[in-house]
Structures are given as C-alpha cells and as structure tokens.
C-alpha atoms as a PDB file:
ATOM      1  CA  UNK A   1      88.360 133.658  62.099  1.00  0.00           C
ATOM      2  CA  UNK A   2      91.502 133.101  64.123  1.00  0.00           C
ATOM      3  CA  UNK A   3      94.725 134.255  62.552  1.00  0.00           C
ATOM      4  CA  UNK A   4      96.025 130.716  62.511  1.00  0.00           C
ATOM      5  CA  UNK A   5      93.070 129.594  60.374  1.00  0.00           C
ATOM      6  CA  UNK A   6      93.352 132.324  57.825  1.00  0.00           C
ATOM      7  CA  UNK A   7      94.454 131.179  54.392  1.00  0.00           C
ATOM      8  CA  UNK A   8      97.042 133.399  52.818  1.00  0.00           C
ATOM      9  CA  UNK A   9      96.106 134.448  49.264  1.00  0.00           C
ATOM     10  CA  UNK A  10      99.655 133.518  48.251  1.00  0.00           C
ATOM     11  CA  UNK A  11      98.949 129.851  49.057  1.00  0.00           C
ATOM     12  CA  UNK A  12      96.209 129.713  46.413  1.00  0.00           C
ATOM     13  CA  UNK A  13      98.450 131.314  43.817  1.00  0.00           C
ATOM     14  CA  UNK A  14     100.235 128.948  41.461  1.00  0.00           C
ATOM     15  CA  UNK A  15     103.291 129.885  39.498  1.00  0.00           C
ATOM     16  CA  UNK A  16     102.768 129.697  35.727  1.00  0.00           C
ATOM     17  CA  UNK A  17     103.953 126.476  34.154  1.00  0.00           C
ATOM     18  CA  UNK A  18     107.066 126.558  31.935  1.00  0.00           C
ATOM     19  CA  UNK A  19     104.822 125.932  28.931  1.00  0.00           C
ATOM     20  CA  UNK A  20     102.597 128.922  29.715  1.00  0.00           C
ATOM     21  CA  UNK A  21     105.668 131.073  30.277  1.00  0.00           C
ATOM     22  CA  UNK A  22     107.016 130.067  26.861  1.00  0.00           C
ATOM     23  CA  UNK A  23     103.659 130.718  25.175  1.00  0.00           C
ATOM     24  CA  UNK A  24     103.330 134.028  26.978  1.00  0.00           C
ATOM     25  CA  UNK A  25     106.804 134.964  25.776  1.00  0.00           C
ATOM     26  CA  UNK A  26     105.980 134.040  22.162  1.00  0.00           C
ATOM     27  CA  UNK A  27     102.722 135.981  22.209  1.00  0.00           C
ATOM     28  CA  UNK A  28     104.403 138.934  23.898  1.00  0.00           C
ATOM     29  CA  UNK A  29     107.177 138.857  21.296  1.00  0.00           C
ATOM     30  CA  UNK A  30     104.584 138.888  18.492  1.00  0.00           C
ATOM     31  CA  UNK A  31     102.858 141.944  19.992  1.00  0.00           C
ATOM     32  CA  UNK A  32     106.164 143.718  20.588  1.00  0.00           C
ATOM     33  CA  UNK A  33     107.263 142.994  17.014  1.00  0.00           C
ATOM     34  CA  UNK A  34     103.985 144.378  15.657  1.00  0.00           C
ATOM     35  CA  UNK A  35     104.297 147.520  17.768  1.00  0.00           C
ATOM     36  CA  UNK A  36     107.900 148.110  16.704  1.00  0.00           C
ATOM     37  CA  UNK A  37     106.976 147.407  13.090  1.00  0.00           C
ATOM     38  CA  UNK A  38     104.056 149.858  13.212  1.00  0.00           C
ATOM     39  CA  UNK A  39     106.186 152.681  14.660  1.00  0.00           C
ATOM     40  CA  UNK A  40     109.235 152.068  12.453  1.00  0.00           C
ATOM     41  CA  UNK A  41     110.097 153.456   9.030  1.00  0.00           C
ATOM     42  CA  UNK A  42     108.709 150.209   7.595  1.00  0.00           C
ATOM     43  CA  UNK A  43     105.277 150.556   9.186  1.00  0.00           C
ATOM     44  CA  UNK A  44     103.678 150.927   5.752  1.00  0.00           C
ATOM     45  CA  UNK A  45     104.298 147.214   5.151  1.00  0.00           C
ATOM     46  CA  UNK A  46     101.674 146.391   7.776  1.00  0.00           C
ATOM     47  CA  UNK A  47      99.203 148.458   5.770  1.00  0.00           C
ATOM     48  CA  UNK A  48      98.968 146.395   2.610  1.00  0.00           C
ATOM     49  CA  UNK A  49      97.470 149.270   0.649  1.00  0.00           C
ATOM     50  CA  UNK A  50     100.846 151.096   0.796  1.00  0.00           C
ATOM     51  CA  UNK A  51     103.327 148.210   0.544  1.00  0.00           C
ATOM     52  CA  UNK A  52     104.779 148.857  -2.873  1.00  0.00           C
ATOM     53  CA  UNK A  53     104.199 152.526  -3.516  1.00  0.00           C
ATOM     54  CA  UNK A  54     107.661 153.710  -2.478  1.00  0.00           C
ATOM     55  CA  UNK A  55     110.981 152.410  -1.272  1.00  0.00           C
ATOM     56  CA  UNK A  56     112.803 149.134  -1.750  1.00  0.00           C
ATOM     57  CA  UNK A  57     109.638 147.061  -2.143  1.00  0.00           C
ATOM     58  CA  UNK A  58     108.606 149.208  -5.106  1.00  0.00           C
ATOM     59  CA  UNK A  59     111.991 148.683  -6.789  1.00  0.00           C
ATOM     60  CA  UNK A  60     111.924 144.912  -6.217  1.00  0.00           C
ATOM     61  CA  UNK A  61     108.373 144.658  -7.539  1.00  0.00           C
ATOM     62  CA  UNK A  62     109.401 146.502 -10.692  1.00  0.00           C
ATOM     63  CA  UNK A  63     112.392 144.225 -11.246  1.00  0.00           C
ATOM     64  CA  UNK A  64     110.827 140.806 -10.612  1.00  0.00           C
ATOM     65  CA  UNK A  65     108.459 139.000 -12.995  1.00  0.00           C
ATOM     66  CA  UNK A  66     104.956 139.289 -11.520  1.00  0.00           C
ATOM     67  CA  UNK A  67     106.584 141.185  -8.676  1.00  0.00           C
ATOM     68  CA  UNK A  68     103.565 143.411  -8.191  1.00  0.00           C
ATOM     69  CA  UNK A  69     101.608 140.330  -7.158  1.00  0.00           C
ATOM     70  CA  UNK A  70     104.144 137.905  -5.663  1.00  0.00           C
ATOM     71  CA  UNK A  71     106.133 140.193  -3.366  1.00  0.00           C
ATOM     72  CA  UNK A  72     103.124 141.923  -1.783  1.00  0.00           C
ATOM     73  CA  UNK A  73     101.592 138.507  -1.176  1.00  0.00           C
ATOM     74  CA  UNK A  74     104.755 137.234   0.552  1.00  0.00           C
ATOM     75  CA  UNK A  75     105.015 140.367   2.703  1.00  0.00           C
ATOM     76  CA  UNK A  76     101.338 140.133   3.483  1.00  0.00           C
ATOM     77  CA  UNK A  77     101.559 136.473   4.554  1.00  0.00           C
ATOM     78  CA  UNK A  78     104.451 137.293   6.894  1.00  0.00           C
ATOM     79  CA  UNK A  79     102.615 140.216   8.446  1.00  0.00           C
ATOM     80  CA  UNK A  80      99.364 138.281   8.627  1.00  0.00           C
ATOM     81  CA  UNK A  81     100.986 135.308  10.396  1.00  0.00           C
ATOM     82  CA  UNK A  82     102.599 137.651  12.910  1.00  0.00           C
ATOM     83  CA  UNK A  83      99.229 139.327  13.452  1.00  0.00           C
ATOM     84  CA  UNK A  84      97.531 135.935  13.802  1.00  0.00           C
ATOM     85  CA  UNK A  85     100.101 134.755  16.346  1.00  0.00           C
ATOM     86  CA  UNK A  86      99.521 137.890  18.400  1.00  0.00           C
ATOM     87  CA  UNK A  87      95.722 137.977  18.146  1.00  0.00           C
ATOM     88  CA  UNK A  88      94.642 134.344  17.842  1.00  0.00           C
ATOM     89  CA  UNK A  89      97.145 132.227  19.798  1.00  0.00           C
ATOM     90  CA  UNK A  90      95.842 133.699  23.092  1.00  0.00           C
ATOM     91  CA  UNK A  91      92.346 132.541  22.147  1.00  0.00           C
ATOM     92  CA  UNK A  92      93.511 128.949  21.695  1.00  0.00           C
ATOM     93  CA  UNK A  93      95.659 128.659  24.840  1.00  0.00           C
ATOM     94  CA  UNK A  94      93.148 126.315  26.582  1.00  0.00           C
ATOM     95  CA  UNK A  95      93.522 123.784  23.757  1.00  0.00           C
ATOM     96  CA  UNK A  96      97.305 124.175  23.636  1.00  0.00           C
ATOM     97  CA  UNK A  97      97.632 123.792  27.404  1.00  0.00           C
ATOM     98  CA  UNK A  98      95.526 120.633  27.570  1.00  0.00           C
ATOM     99  CA  UNK A  99      97.307 119.064  24.629  1.00  0.00           C
ATOM    100  CA  UNK A 100     100.709 119.909  26.121  1.00  0.00           C
ATOM    101  CA  UNK A 101      99.725 118.249  29.406  1.00  0.00           C
ATOM    102  CA  UNK A 102      98.584 115.164  27.519  1.00  0.00           C
ATOM    103  CA  UNK A 103     101.856 114.747  25.585  1.00  0.00           C
ATOM    104  CA  UNK A 104     104.266 116.127  28.206  1.00  0.00           C
ATOM    105  CA  UNK A 105     105.595 112.659  29.092  1.00  0.00           C
ATOM    106  CA  UNK A 106     106.562 111.937  25.484  1.00  0.00           C
ATOM    107  CA  UNK A 107     110.058 112.626  24.219  1.00  0.00           C
ATOM    108  CA  UNK A 108     108.578 114.371  21.186  1.00  0.00           C
ATOM    109  CA  UNK A 109     105.988 116.330  23.185  1.00  0.00           C
ATOM    110  CA  UNK A 110     107.460 119.722  22.312  1.00  0.00           C
ATOM    111  CA  UNK A 111     107.558 118.870  18.615  1.00  0.00           C
ATOM    112  CA  UNK A 112     103.917 117.760  18.709  1.00  0.00           C
ATOM    113  CA  UNK A 113     102.834 121.057  20.273  1.00  0.00           C
ATOM    114  CA  UNK A 114     104.840 122.879  17.600  1.00  0.00           C
ATOM    115  CA  UNK A 115     103.080 120.901  14.869  1.00  0.00           C
ATOM    116  CA  UNK A 116      99.709 121.749  16.394  1.00  0.00           C
ATOM    117  CA  UNK A 117     100.582 125.460  16.322  1.00  0.00           C
ATOM    118  CA  UNK A 118     101.866 125.155  12.743  1.00  0.00           C
ATOM    119  CA  UNK A 119      98.608 123.566  11.608  1.00  0.00           C
ATOM    120  CA  UNK A 120      96.589 126.243  13.383  1.00  0.00           C
ATOM    121  CA  UNK A 121      98.541 129.078  11.773  1.00  0.00           C
ATOM    122  CA  UNK A 122      98.300 127.389   8.361  1.00  0.00           C
ATOM    123  CA  UNK A 123      94.507 127.575   8.520  1.00  0.00           C
ATOM    124  CA  UNK A 124      94.706 131.309   9.234  1.00  0.00           C
ATOM    125  CA  UNK A 125      97.325 131.772   6.509  1.00  0.00           C
ATOM    126  CA  UNK A 126      94.890 130.283   4.001  1.00  0.00           C
ATOM    127  CA  UNK A 127      92.202 132.704   5.105  1.00  0.00           C
ATOM    128  CA  UNK A 128      94.692 135.558   4.929  1.00  0.00           C
ATOM    129  CA  UNK A 129      95.559 134.738   1.316  1.00  0.00           C
ATOM    130  CA  UNK A 130      91.876 134.641   0.396  1.00  0.00           C
ATOM    131  CA  UNK A 131      91.312 137.982   2.130  1.00  0.00           C
ATOM    132  CA  UNK A 132      94.347 139.437   0.358  1.00  0.00           C
ATOM    133  CA  UNK A 133      92.982 138.290  -3.006  1.00  0.00           C
ATOM    134  CA  UNK A 134      89.609 139.889  -2.314  1.00  0.00           C
ATOM    135  CA  UNK A 135      91.236 143.116  -1.138  1.00  0.00           C
ATOM    136  CA  UNK A 136      93.488 143.198  -4.213  1.00  0.00           C
ATOM    137  CA  UNK A 137      90.451 142.748  -6.463  1.00  0.00           C
ATOM    138  CA  UNK A 138      88.735 145.674  -4.735  1.00  0.00           C
ATOM    139  CA  UNK A 139      91.818 147.870  -5.191  1.00  0.00           C
ATOM    140  CA  UNK A 140      91.969 146.994  -8.897  1.00  0.00           C
ATOM    141  CA  UNK A 141      88.265 147.722  -9.272  1.00  0.00           C
ATOM    142  CA  UNK A 142      88.725 151.071  -7.531  1.00  0.00           C
ATOM    143  CA  UNK A 143      91.457 151.997 -10.015  1.00  0.00           C
ATOM    144  CA  UNK A 144      89.188 151.089 -12.921  1.00  0.00           C
ATOM    145  CA  UNK A 145      86.244 153.196 -11.805  1.00  0.00           C
ATOM    146  CA  UNK A 146      86.212 156.548 -10.104  1.00  0.00           C
ATOM    147  CA  UNK A 147      82.772 155.824  -8.624  1.00  0.00           C
ATOM    148  CA  UNK A 148      84.128 153.147  -6.281  1.00  0.00           C
ATOM    149  CA  UNK A 149      86.974 155.440  -5.269  1.00  0.00           C
ATOM    150  CA  UNK A 150      84.607 158.218  -4.236  1.00  0.00           C
ATOM    151  CA  UNK A 151      82.207 155.770  -2.588  1.00  0.00           C
ATOM    152  CA  UNK A 152      84.773 153.688  -0.720  1.00  0.00           C
ATOM    153  CA  UNK A 153      82.677 154.016   2.423  1.00  0.00           C
ATOM    154  CA  UNK A 154      80.274 151.528   0.863  1.00  0.00           C
ATOM    155  CA  UNK A 155      82.936 148.824   1.097  1.00  0.00           C
ATOM    156  CA  UNK A 156      83.540 149.538   4.766  1.00  0.00           C
ATOM    157  CA  UNK A 157      79.852 149.613   5.634  1.00  0.00           C
ATOM    158  CA  UNK A 158      79.277 146.384   3.693  1.00  0.00           C
ATOM    159  CA  UNK A 159      82.037 144.594   5.594  1.00  0.00           C
ATOM    160  CA  UNK A 160      80.591 145.845   8.894  1.00  0.00           C
ATOM    161  CA  UNK A 161      77.120 144.696   7.850  1.00  0.00           C
ATOM    162  CA  UNK A 162      78.367 141.234   6.849  1.00  0.00           C
ATOM    163  CA  UNK A 163      80.379 140.880  10.059  1.00  0.00           C
ATOM    164  CA  UNK A 164      77.387 141.932  12.137  1.00  0.00           C
ATOM    165  CA  UNK A 165      74.918 139.650  10.357  1.00  0.00           C
ATOM    166  CA  UNK A 166      77.273 136.686  10.686  1.00  0.00           C
ATOM    167  CA  UNK A 167      77.116 137.022  14.473  1.00  0.00           C
ATOM    168  CA  UNK A 168      73.500 135.809  14.254  1.00  0.00           C
ATOM    169  CA  UNK A 169      74.175 132.823  11.953  1.00  0.00           C
ATOM    170  CA  UNK A 170      73.993 129.135  12.867  1.00  0.00           C
ATOM    171  CA  UNK A 171      77.468 128.591  11.374  1.00  0.00           C
ATOM    172  CA  UNK A 172      78.912 131.135  13.796  1.00  0.00           C
ATOM    173  CA  UNK A 173      77.579 129.276  16.827  1.00  0.00           C
ATOM    174  CA  UNK A 174      78.434 125.837  15.466  1.00  0.00           C
ATOM    175  CA  UNK A 175      82.082 126.849  15.075  1.00  0.00           C
ATOM    176  CA  UNK A 176      82.115 128.840  18.324  1.00  0.00           C
ATOM    177  CA  UNK A 177      80.810 125.888  20.339  1.00  0.00           C
ATOM    178  CA  UNK A 178      83.540 123.657  18.926  1.00  0.00           C
ATOM    179  CA  UNK A 179      86.180 126.240  19.821  1.00  0.00           C
ATOM    180  CA  UNK A 180      84.831 126.503  23.370  1.00  0.00           C
ATOM    181  CA  UNK A 181      85.244 122.756  24.072  1.00  0.00           C
ATOM    182  CA  UNK A 182      89.004 122.066  23.767  1.00  0.00           C
ATOM    183  CA  UNK A 183      88.905 118.738  25.644  1.00  0.00           C
ATOM    184  CA  UNK A 184      86.175 117.338  23.415  1.00  0.00           C
ATOM    185  CA  UNK A 185      88.041 118.578  20.356  1.00  0.00           C
ATOM    186  CA  UNK A 186      91.230 116.792  21.407  1.00  0.00           C
ATOM    187  CA  UNK A 187      89.384 113.564  22.228  1.00  0.00           C
ATOM    188  CA  UNK A 188      87.697 113.630  18.850  1.00  0.00           C
ATOM    189  CA  UNK A 189      90.941 114.138  16.901  1.00  0.00           C
ATOM    190  CA  UNK A 190      93.738 112.422  18.833  1.00  0.00           C
ATOM    191  CA  UNK A 191      94.381 108.672  18.681  1.00  0.00           C
ATOM    192  CA  UNK A 192      98.167 108.632  19.054  1.00  0.00           C
ATOM    193  CA  UNK A 193      98.656 106.187  16.174  1.00  0.00           C
ATOM    194  CA  UNK A 194     100.387 108.726  13.922  1.00  0.00           C
ATOM    195  CA  UNK A 195     101.219 111.379  16.473  1.00  0.00           C
ATOM    196  CA  UNK A 196     102.931 113.962  14.269  1.00  0.00           C
ATOM    197  CA  UNK A 197     100.264 113.889  11.582  1.00  0.00           C
ATOM    198  CA  UNK A 198      97.483 113.849  14.161  1.00  0.00           C
ATOM    199  CA  UNK A 199      98.985 116.820  16.036  1.00  0.00           C
ATOM    200  CA  UNK A 200      99.228 118.812  12.809  1.00  0.00           C
ATOM    201  CA  UNK A 201      95.683 117.840  11.790  1.00  0.00           C
ATOM    202  CA  UNK A 202      94.420 118.729  15.248  1.00  0.00           C
ATOM    203  CA  UNK A 203      95.853 122.230  14.901  1.00  0.00           C
ATOM    204  CA  UNK A 204      94.664 122.580  11.307  1.00  0.00           C
ATOM    205  CA  UNK A 205      91.116 121.434  12.065  1.00  0.00           C
ATOM    206  CA  UNK A 206      90.912 123.615  15.149  1.00  0.00           C
ATOM    207  CA  UNK A 207      92.198 126.511  13.045  1.00  0.00           C
ATOM    208  CA  UNK A 208      89.484 125.887  10.449  1.00  0.00           C
ATOM    209  CA  UNK A 209      86.796 126.052  13.128  1.00  0.00           C
ATOM    210  CA  UNK A 210      88.467 129.142  14.568  1.00  0.00           C
ATOM    211  CA  UNK A 211      88.421 130.783  11.135  1.00  0.00           C
ATOM    212  CA  UNK A 212      84.780 129.769  10.782  1.00  0.00           C
ATOM    213  CA  UNK A 213      84.035 131.416  14.118  1.00  0.00           C
ATOM    214  CA  UNK A 214      86.120 134.583  13.798  1.00  0.00           C
ATOM    215  CA  UNK A 215      86.650 135.338  10.083  1.00  0.00           C
ATOM    216  CA  UNK A 216      84.065 138.117  10.027  1.00  0.00           C
ATOM    217  CA  UNK A 217      85.637 139.889  13.002  1.00  0.00           C
ATOM    218  CA  UNK A 218      89.085 139.549  11.442  1.00  0.00           C
ATOM    219  CA  UNK A 219      87.757 141.141   8.243  1.00  0.00           C
ATOM    220  CA  UNK A 220      87.138 144.261  10.297  1.00  0.00           C
ATOM    221  CA  UNK A 221      90.905 144.804  10.215  1.00  0.00           C
ATOM    222  CA  UNK A 222      90.432 145.842   6.576  1.00  0.00           C
ATOM    223  CA  UNK A 223      87.961 148.505   7.714  1.00  0.00           C
ATOM    224  CA  UNK A 224      89.824 149.925  10.729  1.00  0.00           C
ATOM    225  CA  UNK A 225      93.328 149.438   9.267  1.00  0.00           C
ATOM    226  CA  UNK A 226      95.477 146.320   9.173  1.00  0.00           C
ATOM    227  CA  UNK A 227      98.430 148.264  10.549  1.00  0.00           C
ATOM    228  CA  UNK A 228      96.705 149.443  13.738  1.00  0.00           C
ATOM    229  CA  UNK A 229      98.039 147.590  16.784  1.00  0.00           C
ATOM    230  CA  UNK A 230      95.388 149.253  18.944  1.00  0.00           C
ATOM    231  CA  UNK A 231      92.564 147.752  16.888  1.00  0.00           C
ATOM    232  CA  UNK A 232      94.367 144.407  16.877  1.00  0.00           C
ATOM    233  CA  UNK A 233      94.395 144.436  20.673  1.00  0.00           C
ATOM    234  CA  UNK A 234      90.706 145.325  20.873  1.00  0.00           C
ATOM    235  CA  UNK A 235      89.513 142.759  18.328  1.00  0.00           C
ATOM    236  CA  UNK A 236      91.837 140.095  19.762  1.00  0.00           C
ATOM    237  CA  UNK A 237      90.405 140.710  23.231  1.00  0.00           C
ATOM    238  CA  UNK A 238      86.845 140.433  21.891  1.00  0.00           C
ATOM    239  CA  UNK A 239      87.592 137.077  20.243  1.00  0.00           C
ATOM    240  CA  UNK A 240      89.413 135.766  23.334  1.00  0.00           C
ATOM    241  CA  UNK A 241      86.438 136.618  25.553  1.00  0.00           C
ATOM    242  CA  UNK A 242      83.969 135.184  23.067  1.00  0.00           C
ATOM    243  CA  UNK A 243      85.841 131.875  22.848  1.00  0.00           C
ATOM    244  CA  UNK A 244      87.094 131.357  26.401  1.00  0.00           C
ATOM    245  CA  UNK A 245      85.112 133.344  28.970  1.00  0.00           C
ATOM    246  CA  UNK A 246      82.213 131.426  30.604  1.00  0.00           C
ATOM    247  CA  UNK A 247      79.839 134.169  29.473  1.00  0.00           C
ATOM    248  CA  UNK A 248      81.645 134.800  26.178  1.00  0.00           C
ATOM    249  CA  UNK A 249      78.998 133.230  23.967  1.00  0.00           C
ATOM    250  CA  UNK A 250      76.453 135.789  25.158  1.00  0.00           C
ATOM    251  CA  UNK A 251      78.329 138.755  23.635  1.00  0.00           C
ATOM    252  CA  UNK A 252      78.088 137.522  20.041  1.00  0.00           C
ATOM    253  CA  UNK A 253      74.619 138.862  19.227  1.00  0.00           C
ATOM    254  CA  UNK A 254      75.054 142.249  20.962  1.00  0.00           C
ATOM    255  CA  UNK A 255      78.333 142.616  19.086  1.00  0.00           C
ATOM    256  CA  UNK A 256      76.563 141.790  15.830  1.00  0.00           C
ATOM    257  CA  UNK A 257      73.875 144.379  16.519  1.00  0.00           C
ATOM    258  CA  UNK A 258      76.543 146.996  17.288  1.00  0.00           C
ATOM    259  CA  UNK A 259      78.387 146.271  14.044  1.00  0.00           C
ATOM    260  CA  UNK A 260      75.213 146.485  11.978  1.00  0.00           C
ATOM    261  CA  UNK A 261      74.334 149.748  13.713  1.00  0.00           C
ATOM    262  CA  UNK A 262      77.815 151.082  12.895  1.00  0.00           C
ATOM    263  CA  UNK A 263      77.266 150.177   9.233  1.00  0.00           C
ATOM    264  CA  UNK A 264      73.929 151.991   9.249  1.00  0.00           C
ATOM    265  CA  UNK A 265      75.501 155.102  10.746  1.00  0.00           C
ATOM    266  CA  UNK A 266      78.144 155.150   8.004  1.00  0.00           C
ATOM    267  CA  UNK A 267      75.501 154.859   5.279  1.00  0.00           C
ATOM    268  CA  UNK A 268      73.283 157.520   6.822  1.00  0.00           C
ATOM    269  CA  UNK A 269      76.206 159.866   7.461  1.00  0.00           C
ATOM    270  CA  UNK A 270      77.604 159.593   3.940  1.00  0.00           C
ATOM    271  CA  UNK A 271      74.138 159.749   2.410  1.00  0.00           C
ATOM    272  CA  UNK A 272      73.431 162.998   4.250  1.00  0.00           C
ATOM    273  CA  UNK A 273      76.809 164.414   3.228  1.00  0.00           C
ATOM    274  CA  UNK A 274      76.100 163.710  -0.461  1.00  0.00           C
ATOM    275  CA  UNK A 275      72.629 165.258  -0.370  1.00  0.00           C
ATOM    276  CA  UNK A 276      72.660 168.731  -1.994  1.00  0.00           C
END
C-alpha cells in the first residue's frame, strides 16, 4: 500500500471522554486508598477479624453502648463500600457510560449519574451487611466451641464449594445476562418521568442483579482475606471479564469447577493431616 494510503494508528485512537476520565480517577483513587490503607498502621481495619482487638477502636468499643457491634459494623461498611467502588464500579462502566451519554444534555445529568452510582453501591452495602452478620455469627460460634476453631478450614472449603456450585446455577446466568445487556437494562428502567428516582432505582436494580451474579465470588474475600488488595484485583478482574468481555460468559463454569476442585483439595489435605 502506498504511503499516502496508509492509515496512522493514531487516527483510530480516541481520547477518553471527560466522564471516563472522571470515573477512571474515582476508581483509581479507590484502589490507591485501599493500597495505602492496607500498608498503613491501620491496615487491620480492612481485616474485620482484627478490627477491635487493639488500639483506639478497642477503646471506643468498650466505652460505647453496643460498641462491640455498632462500631465494627460502621467501619466494615466504610471499608466494604471502598472495596466495592474499586472492584465493582469497573464492571458496570458500560452501563454508566451509556446512561451518561443519554442524560448528558440535561442540566442535572451529573446528579443523575451520581444517583445511579449511589443506588448501585447501596445494593452492595446491603449485601456487605448481610455478609458481616454471617461472619460475626461464625466468629461467635468459633469462640463457643473449640471444635470449630480447630476445624476452621471447613468454613473456607464450604465457601469455596458454594461459590463453585453457584457458577453452574440458573440464577447465576439469569443475573449475568441482565448485567451483560446495559442498553436493554436502561430501556427497561428509564422513562424520564421522575428522573432522580428512576436514576436511583436504575442503579439499585442493576446493583441487585450484580449482587445476584457476583455474590459468591465476593464471598471468597472472606476466604482469601478481606484486607488483601492483590486478591481484590484478581477477583475484580475475573468479574469484569465475566460481565463485559464478549467471551466472558464462557469462563463461569470453568471457574466454578476450579473453585470446587480447590475446596476438595483443602478437605483432602486437612483430612490427611488429621489422620494418625
């Protein structure tokens, strides 16, 4: 081809839109905050199992009524929302981008996008509280019986087994298919009659489907460590590929098989170790 007919690769490159730059900055800030938090003196507050054992949090919990329950829950919600913003907002960028383009001509377009994000994070906050309650119940049960303490690997293997089995369920694929069609989701939820409420409900409903699709993978954070930024990056990447890549749906079952195999290895390994 003649030089004059060659198309420069720079001509096909498009600069990111201001919206994508802002979202990229917010997501990058969330990851940076998590990394700094993990490596700081306060890193234990990302690991909810060690929140109130020492330091200021322990003193506040002792002083406040029901402080042993309320303060850890508040710290947990803050950390969980930061983790959700870092891990899950990238997976929902296609929906956010299309909605932003649709409302960009409105004077309140920015506020509507903000309400969508708020609704989305609220759905994940609700799941986080439920997960915190379950984890707290397990910790209390472990304190009440030494058997569960010495067989804690059973909890981890059970979570892995549940997460793996869920990858084969009809509910998984129902929610995943809804998450993978952002345009259809917007069309089905947006009428523009009550824009602020509809934007919030759009984010909340999309968040509910996202929780329905990804809750089992997010539970793995309780197995590998909720304070591990490395595992957050890996699991966040898996969910982003699963939801947004053209071939992402095809990784769900292999991932489920791998998780169930991991659970089996833990059971076999610990069973062999306990055999006299």
